[in-house]
Amino acid sequence: MKSPDLWTRARKARLGRVALVYAGASWAIIEATDLFIGLVVVVATAIIQARPAGEVRHVIYGFLARYLDPPRPEIELGLGANGRAAP
């Protein structure tokens, strides 16, 4: 008995439907992610533009100072530049 060709086997297994469902689900996930990221960007831009420039600068510099600057023990201990107690 002759074995069925690839096209017949694919049609029997309904690979076309599975591929369409997979492609549709992938498209939906990509669109939802794109929408979410776009909304985050729009909301963040609106929040930043609603504040005065000085306040935005203060928030950004405060973040940078808090999370990116290395700790400086002489400042935390209240010491001056020469290591002595500040008056």
N, C-alpha and C. Protein backbone atom coordinates (compact mmCIF):
# COMPACT_ATOMS: atom_id res chain seq x y z
N MET A 1 0.83 -1.18 0.00
CA MET A 1 0.00 0.00 0.00
C MET A 1 0.88 1.24 0.00
N LYS A 2 0.50 2.17 -0.82
CA LYS A 2 1.28 3.40 -0.96
C LYS A 2 0.97 4.36 0.19
N SER A 3 2.03 4.93 0.78
CA SER A 3 1.81 5.88 1.89
C SER A 3 1.38 7.24 1.31
N PRO A 4 0.49 7.93 2.00
CA PRO A 4 0.00 9.21 1.49
C PRO A 4 1.11 10.26 1.45
N ASP A 5 1.00 11.18 0.50
CA ASP A 5 2.02 12.21 0.37
C ASP A 5 1.89 13.23 1.51
N LEU A 6 2.83 14.12 1.57
CA LEU A 6 2.92 15.09 2.67
C LEU A 6 1.70 15.99 2.73
N TRP A 7 1.22 16.44 1.57
CA TRP A 7 0.06 17.35 1.55
C TRP A 7 -1.19 16.68 2.12
N THR A 8 -1.40 15.45 1.80
CA THR A 8 -2.56 14.71 2.30
C THR A 8 -2.45 14.52 3.80
N ARG A 9 -1.29 14.17 4.28
CA ARG A 9 -1.08 13.98 5.71
C ARG A 9 -1.27 15.28 6.47
N ALA A 10 -0.79 16.39 5.91
CA ALA A 10 -0.95 17.69 6.57
C ALA A 10 -2.42 18.08 6.63
N ARG A 11 -3.16 17.79 5.58
CA ARG A 11 -4.58 18.12 5.56
C ARG A 11 -5.35 17.28 6.58
N LYS A 12 -4.98 16.02 6.68
CA LYS A 12 -5.63 15.15 7.66
C LYS A 12 -5.34 15.61 9.09
N ALA A 13 -4.16 16.06 9.33
CA ALA A 13 -3.77 16.49 10.68
C ALA A 13 -4.24 17.91 10.98
N ARG A 14 -4.82 18.56 10.00
CA ARG A 14 -5.33 19.93 10.14
C ARG A 14 -4.22 20.90 10.58
N LEU A 15 -3.07 20.75 9.98
CA LEU A 15 -1.95 21.63 10.30
C LEU A 15 -2.22 23.07 9.88
N GLY A 16 -3.01 23.25 8.85
CA GLY A 16 -3.34 24.61 8.41
C GLY A 16 -4.09 25.37 9.47
N ARG A 17 -5.07 24.73 10.09
CA ARG A 17 -5.83 25.39 11.17
C ARG A 17 -4.95 25.69 12.36
N VAL A 18 -4.11 24.73 12.72
CA VAL A 18 -3.20 24.94 13.86
C VAL A 18 -2.26 26.10 13.58
N ALA A 19 -1.75 26.16 12.36
CA ALA A 19 -0.84 27.26 12.00
C ALA A 19 -1.56 28.60 12.04
N LEU A 20 -2.81 28.64 11.56
CA LEU A 20 -3.58 29.89 11.60
C LEU A 20 -3.88 30.32 13.03
N VAL A 21 -4.24 29.38 13.89
CA VAL A 21 -4.51 29.72 15.29
C VAL A 21 -3.22 30.21 15.96
N TYR A 22 -2.12 29.54 15.69
CA TYR A 22 -0.83 29.95 16.25
C TYR A 22 -0.45 31.36 15.77
N ALA A 23 -0.60 31.62 14.49
CA ALA A 23 -0.28 32.94 13.94
C ALA A 23 -1.21 34.01 14.52
N GLY A 24 -2.49 33.69 14.65
CA GLY A 24 -3.43 34.66 15.22
C GLY A 24 -3.15 34.96 16.67
N ALA A 25 -2.83 33.94 17.45
CA ALA A 25 -2.50 34.16 18.86
C ALA A 25 -1.22 34.96 19.00
N SER A 26 -0.24 34.66 18.18
CA SER A 26 1.03 35.41 18.21
C SER A 26 0.79 36.88 17.87
N TRP A 27 -0.01 37.12 16.84
CA TRP A 27 -0.32 38.50 16.46
C TRP A 27 -1.03 39.23 17.59
N ALA A 28 -1.99 38.57 18.24
CA ALA A 28 -2.73 39.20 19.34
C ALA A 28 -1.81 39.54 20.51
N ILE A 29 -0.90 38.66 20.83
CA ILE A 29 0.04 38.92 21.93
C ILE A 29 0.95 40.10 21.58
N ILE A 30 1.45 40.14 20.36
CA ILE A 30 2.32 41.24 19.94
C ILE A 30 1.56 42.56 19.97
N GLU A 31 0.32 42.57 19.49
CA GLU A 31 -0.48 43.80 19.50
C GLU A 31 -0.77 44.26 20.92
N ALA A 32 -1.10 43.35 21.82
CA ALA A 32 -1.39 43.71 23.20
C ALA A 32 -0.14 44.29 23.88
N THR A 33 1.00 43.68 23.62
CA THR A 33 2.26 44.18 24.18
C THR A 33 2.57 45.56 23.64
N ASP A 34 2.39 45.75 22.35
CA ASP A 34 2.64 47.05 21.73
C ASP A 34 1.72 48.12 22.31
N LEU A 35 0.47 47.78 22.51
CA LEU A 35 -0.49 48.72 23.09
C LEU A 35 -0.09 49.08 24.51
N PHE A 36 0.28 48.09 25.31
CA PHE A 36 0.67 48.34 26.70
C PHE A 36 1.90 49.23 26.77
N ILE A 37 2.93 48.92 25.98
CA ILE A 37 4.15 49.73 26.00
C ILE A 37 3.86 51.14 25.51
N GLY A 38 3.03 51.27 24.49
CA GLY A 38 2.66 52.60 23.99
C GLY A 38 1.93 53.41 25.04
N LEU A 39 1.02 52.78 25.78
CA LEU A 39 0.30 53.49 26.84
C LEU A 39 1.24 53.93 27.95
N VAL A 40 2.19 53.08 28.31
CA VAL A 40 3.15 53.45 29.35
C VAL A 40 3.97 54.66 28.91
N VAL A 41 4.40 54.68 27.67
CA VAL A 41 5.18 55.81 27.16
C VAL A 41 4.35 57.08 27.14
N VAL A 42 3.11 56.99 26.69
CA VAL A 42 2.24 58.17 26.62
C VAL A 42 1.95 58.71 28.02
N VAL A 43 1.65 57.83 28.96
CA VAL A 43 1.35 58.28 30.33
C VAL A 43 2.59 58.88 30.98
N ALA A 44 3.74 58.26 30.80
CA ALA A 44 4.98 58.81 31.37
C ALA A 44 5.29 60.17 30.77
N THR A 45 5.11 60.32 29.47
CA THR A 45 5.35 61.61 28.83
C THR A 45 4.38 62.66 29.34
N ALA A 46 3.12 62.30 29.53
CA ALA A 46 2.14 63.25 30.04
C ALA A 46 2.48 63.67 31.46
N ILE A 47 2.92 62.74 32.29
CA ILE A 47 3.28 63.08 33.67
C ILE A 47 4.48 64.02 33.68
N ILE A 48 5.47 63.72 32.87
CA ILE A 48 6.67 64.56 32.84
C ILE A 48 6.34 65.95 32.32
N GLN A 49 5.53 66.05 31.28
CA GLN A 49 5.23 67.36 30.71
C GLN A 49 4.26 68.16 31.56
N ALA A 50 3.55 67.52 32.47
CA ALA A 50 2.61 68.24 33.34
C ALA A 50 3.33 68.94 34.48
N ARG A 51 4.56 68.58 34.74
CA ARG A 51 5.32 69.18 35.84
C ARG A 51 6.21 70.30 35.31
N PRO A 52 6.50 71.27 36.14
CA PRO A 52 7.47 72.30 35.74
C PRO A 52 8.86 71.68 35.54
N ALA A 53 9.66 72.33 34.72
CA ALA A 53 10.97 71.77 34.38
C ALA A 53 11.85 71.58 35.61
N GLY A 54 11.81 72.50 36.54
CA GLY A 54 12.63 72.39 37.74
C GLY A 54 12.25 71.19 38.59
N GLU A 55 10.96 70.89 38.67
CA GLU A 55 10.52 69.75 39.46
C GLU A 55 10.93 68.45 38.79
N VAL A 56 10.83 68.38 37.48
CA VAL A 56 11.26 67.18 36.76
C VAL A 56 12.75 66.98 36.96
N ARG A 57 13.51 68.05 36.84
CA ARG A 57 14.95 67.97 37.03
C ARG A 57 15.27 67.48 38.44
N HIS A 58 14.52 67.99 39.43
CA HIS A 58 14.73 67.58 40.81
C HIS A 58 14.45 66.09 40.99
N VAL A 59 13.38 65.59 40.39
CA VAL A 59 13.04 64.18 40.50
C VAL A 59 14.11 63.32 39.84
N ILE A 60 14.55 63.73 38.66
CA ILE A 60 15.57 62.95 37.94
C ILE A 60 16.89 62.96 38.70
N TYR A 61 17.33 64.13 39.14
CA TYR A 61 18.59 64.19 39.87
C TYR A 61 18.50 63.47 41.21
N GLY A 62 17.33 63.53 41.85
CA GLY A 62 17.15 62.80 43.10
C GLY A 62 17.27 61.30 42.88
N PHE A 63 16.68 60.81 41.80
CA PHE A 63 16.80 59.40 41.47
C PHE A 63 18.25 59.02 41.20
N LEU A 64 18.92 59.85 40.40
CA LEU A 64 20.32 59.56 40.08
C LEU A 64 21.18 59.57 41.33
N ALA A 65 20.95 60.54 42.20
CA ALA A 65 21.76 60.64 43.41
C ALA A 65 21.49 59.45 44.33
N ARG A 66 20.26 59.03 44.40
CA ARG A 66 19.91 57.95 45.33
C ARG A 66 20.40 56.59 44.85
N TYR A 67 20.27 56.32 43.56
CA TYR A 67 20.53 54.97 43.09
C TYR A 67 21.83 54.80 42.31
N LEU A 68 22.40 55.87 41.81
CA LEU A 68 23.58 55.70 40.97
C LEU A 68 24.86 56.26 41.57
N ASP A 69 24.78 57.18 42.50
CA ASP A 69 25.99 57.74 43.11
C ASP A 69 26.53 56.76 44.15
N PRO A 70 27.85 56.61 44.20
CA PRO A 70 28.42 55.75 45.24
C PRO A 70 28.29 56.45 46.60
N PRO A 71 28.20 55.68 47.68
CA PRO A 71 28.11 56.31 49.00
C PRO A 71 29.40 57.05 49.34
N ARG A 72 29.25 58.16 50.02
CA ARG A 72 30.41 58.96 50.42
C ARG A 72 30.40 59.06 51.94
N PRO A 73 31.25 58.28 52.62
CA PRO A 73 31.20 58.21 54.08
C PRO A 73 31.45 59.55 54.76
N GLU A 74 32.29 60.40 54.18
CA GLU A 74 32.58 61.67 54.85
C GLU A 74 31.36 62.56 54.91
N ILE A 75 30.47 62.44 53.93
CA ILE A 75 29.25 63.23 53.95
C ILE A 75 28.25 62.62 54.93
N GLU A 76 28.15 61.29 54.92
CA GLU A 76 27.21 60.62 55.81
C GLU A 76 27.58 60.83 57.27
N LEU A 77 28.87 60.92 57.57
CA LEU A 77 29.31 61.11 58.95
C LEU A 77 29.35 62.58 59.34
N GLY A 78 29.09 63.46 58.40
CA GLY A 78 29.14 64.88 58.70
C GLY A 78 30.55 65.43 58.77
N LEU A 79 31.47 64.77 58.09
CA LEU A 79 32.86 65.23 58.09
C LEU A 79 33.10 66.17 56.94
N GLY A 80 34.02 67.07 57.12
CA GLY A 80 34.39 68.00 56.05
C GLY A 80 35.32 67.32 55.06
N ALA A 81 35.82 68.10 54.12
CA ALA A 81 36.70 67.57 53.07
C ALA A 81 38.01 67.04 53.64
N ASN A 82 38.46 67.60 54.76
CA ASN A 82 39.75 67.18 55.33
C ASN A 82 39.58 66.03 56.33
N GLY A 83 38.37 65.52 56.53
CA GLY A 83 38.15 64.40 57.43
C GLY A 83 37.82 64.83 58.84
N ARG A 84 37.81 66.11 59.11
CA ARG A 84 37.46 66.60 60.45
C ARG A 84 35.98 66.92 60.49
N ALA A 85 35.47 66.97 61.70
CA ALA A 85 34.06 67.28 61.88
C ALA A 85 33.75 68.67 61.35
N ALA A 86 32.69 68.78 60.62
CA ALA A 86 32.29 70.07 60.10
C ALA A 86 31.74 70.93 61.24
N PRO A 87 32.00 72.23 61.19
CA PRO A 87 31.54 73.10 62.30
C PRO A 87 30.03 73.23 62.31
